[in-house]
Amino acid sequence: QVKLLESGGGLVQAGGSLRLSCAASGVDFSINAMGWLRQAADEKHELVATIERDGATKYGDSVKGRFTISRDNAKNTVYLQMNSLNPEDTALYYCYAKIITGEIREYWGQGTQVTVSS
């Protein structure tokens, strides 16, 4: 059974940086896409960034130029480097992984809280 474990969240001052990590275990096939979504209080889920197995990336408009997503396929791990954080980035950040083998399977982590103080 595939499980995702996030780490790296915490409290940081505005203008600071954090690096999130998400490691997948129990993977039986190659992971196609990995990424991050976030949900602030009383808000909908928002795409943060995704990365395909070949390294192609996509970012949400609000984080472009500040956040960088990367992955280590050998370790089934995805990273999110977050720079120039502001209070609007405060949210619960979820990692996800998508495996396509004739069917599409998606897996989610429990989330890691990021809080940015002004």
Protein backbone atom coordinates (compact mmCIF):
# COMPACT_ATOMS: atom_id res chain seq x y z
CA GLN A 1 0.00 0.00 0.00
CA VAL A 2 1.41 3.37 -1.01
CA LYS A 3 1.90 5.85 1.79
CA LEU A 4 3.14 9.43 1.62
CA LEU A 5 4.92 11.08 4.51
CA GLU A 6 5.44 14.83 4.50
CA SER A 7 7.95 16.73 6.59
CA GLY A 8 9.46 20.19 6.83
CA GLY A 9 6.50 22.35 7.76
CA GLY A 10 6.61 24.85 10.57
CA LEU A 11 6.48 28.49 11.59
CA VAL A 12 8.52 31.07 9.72
CA GLN A 13 8.58 34.83 9.48
CA ALA A 14 7.52 36.64 6.34
CA GLY A 15 10.35 36.69 3.84
CA GLY A 16 11.76 33.44 5.13
CA SER A 17 12.13 30.02 3.55
CA LEU A 18 11.08 26.46 4.20
CA ARG A 19 11.71 23.19 2.43
CA LEU A 20 9.06 20.50 2.40
CA SER A 21 9.77 16.86 1.66
CA CYS A 22 7.45 14.00 0.85
CA ALA A 23 8.59 10.40 0.68
CA ALA A 24 6.47 7.66 -0.84
CA SER A 25 6.72 4.10 0.46
CA GLY A 26 5.14 0.85 -0.64
CA VAL A 27 5.36 1.91 -4.28
CA ASP A 28 4.82 -0.95 -6.69
CA PHE A 29 5.03 0.95 -9.97
CA SER A 30 6.84 4.06 -11.15
CA ILE A 31 5.21 7.25 -9.93
CA ASN A 32 4.10 9.40 -12.83
CA ALA A 33 3.37 12.72 -11.18
CA MET A 34 4.05 14.08 -7.73
CA GLY A 35 3.12 17.41 -6.33
CA TRP A 36 1.75 19.66 -3.66
CA LEU A 37 -1.58 21.23 -2.99
CA ARG A 38 -2.49 23.46 -0.09
CA GLN A 39 -5.59 24.45 1.79
CA ALA A 40 -5.86 27.54 3.91
CA ALA A 41 -8.54 27.86 6.57
CA ASP A 42 -11.99 28.24 5.01
CA GLU A 43 -10.51 28.05 1.51
CA LYS A 44 -10.59 25.51 -1.30
CA HIS A 45 -7.63 23.37 -2.23
CA GLU A 46 -5.13 25.24 -4.36
CA LEU A 47 -2.53 23.77 -6.68
CA VAL A 48 0.97 24.66 -5.56
CA ALA A 49 3.18 22.70 -7.92
CA THR A 50 3.45 19.42 -9.78
CA ILE A 51 6.32 17.57 -11.35
CA GLU A 52 6.24 14.71 -13.83
CA ARG A 53 8.65 11.83 -13.83
CA ASP A 54 10.60 13.46 -16.68
CA GLY A 55 11.00 16.66 -14.67
CA ALA A 56 8.32 18.78 -16.32
CA THR A 57 6.88 21.19 -13.78
CA LYS A 58 3.77 23.28 -13.30
CA TYR A 59 3.17 25.97 -10.70
CA GLY A 60 0.20 27.80 -9.31
CA ASP A 61 0.18 31.48 -10.23
CA SER A 62 0.54 32.64 -6.64
CA VAL A 63 3.84 30.80 -6.11
CA LYS A 64 5.59 31.21 -9.46
CA GLY A 65 9.07 32.59 -9.05
CA ARG A 66 9.13 31.87 -5.31
CA PHE A 67 8.66 28.11 -5.00
CA THR A 68 10.63 25.34 -6.69
CA ILE A 69 9.53 21.73 -6.93
CA SER A 70 11.96 18.88 -7.51
CA ARG A 71 11.99 15.12 -7.12
CA ASP A 72 14.31 12.20 -6.67
CA ASN A 73 12.86 9.28 -8.61
CA ALA A 74 15.23 6.77 -7.04
CA LYS A 75 13.96 7.75 -3.59
CA ASN A 76 10.32 8.32 -4.62
CA THR A 77 10.60 11.69 -2.94
CA VAL A 78 9.38 15.12 -3.92
CA TYR A 79 10.60 18.41 -2.49
CA LEU A 80 9.20 21.91 -2.37
CA GLN A 81 11.59 24.78 -1.75
CA MET A 82 9.60 27.79 -0.63
CA ASN A 83 11.25 31.20 -0.63
CA SER A 84 9.99 34.72 0.03
CA LEU A 85 7.14 33.35 2.09
CA ASN A 86 4.29 35.64 3.02
CA PRO A 87 1.30 35.24 5.37
CA GLU A 88 -0.92 34.30 2.41
CA ASP A 89 1.14 31.11 2.07
CA THR A 90 -0.12 29.92 5.45
CA ALA A 91 -1.93 26.65 4.84
CA LEU A 92 -1.91 22.90 5.27
CA TYR A 93 0.28 21.53 2.50
CA TYR A 94 -0.56 18.12 1.06
CA CYS A 95 1.68 15.91 -0.98
CA TYR A 96 0.21 13.67 -3.65
CA ALA A 97 1.39 11.02 -6.07
CA LYS A 98 -0.22 9.68 -9.21
CA ILE A 99 0.47 6.24 -10.63
CA ILE A 100 -0.90 5.31 -14.06
CA THR A 101 -1.00 1.62 -14.96
CA GLY A 102 -4.05 1.32 -17.15
CA GLU A 103 -5.93 2.86 -14.28
CA ILE A 104 -5.16 6.07 -12.42
CA ARG A 105 -4.34 5.80 -8.75
CA GLU A 106 -3.84 8.86 -6.60
CA TYR A 107 -2.43 8.94 -3.11
CA TRP A 108 -2.34 11.72 -0.55
CA GLY A 109 -0.32 12.51 2.53
CA GLN A 110 -1.73 13.69 5.83
CA GLY A 111 -0.51 17.24 5.31
CA THR A 112 2.07 19.44 6.96
CA GLN A 113 1.25 22.86 8.36
CA VAL A 114 3.08 25.93 7.14
CA THR A 115 2.49 29.13 9.07
CA VAL A 116 4.01 32.43 8.01
CA SER A 117 3.93 35.28 10.51
CA SER A 118 3.93 38.91 9.49
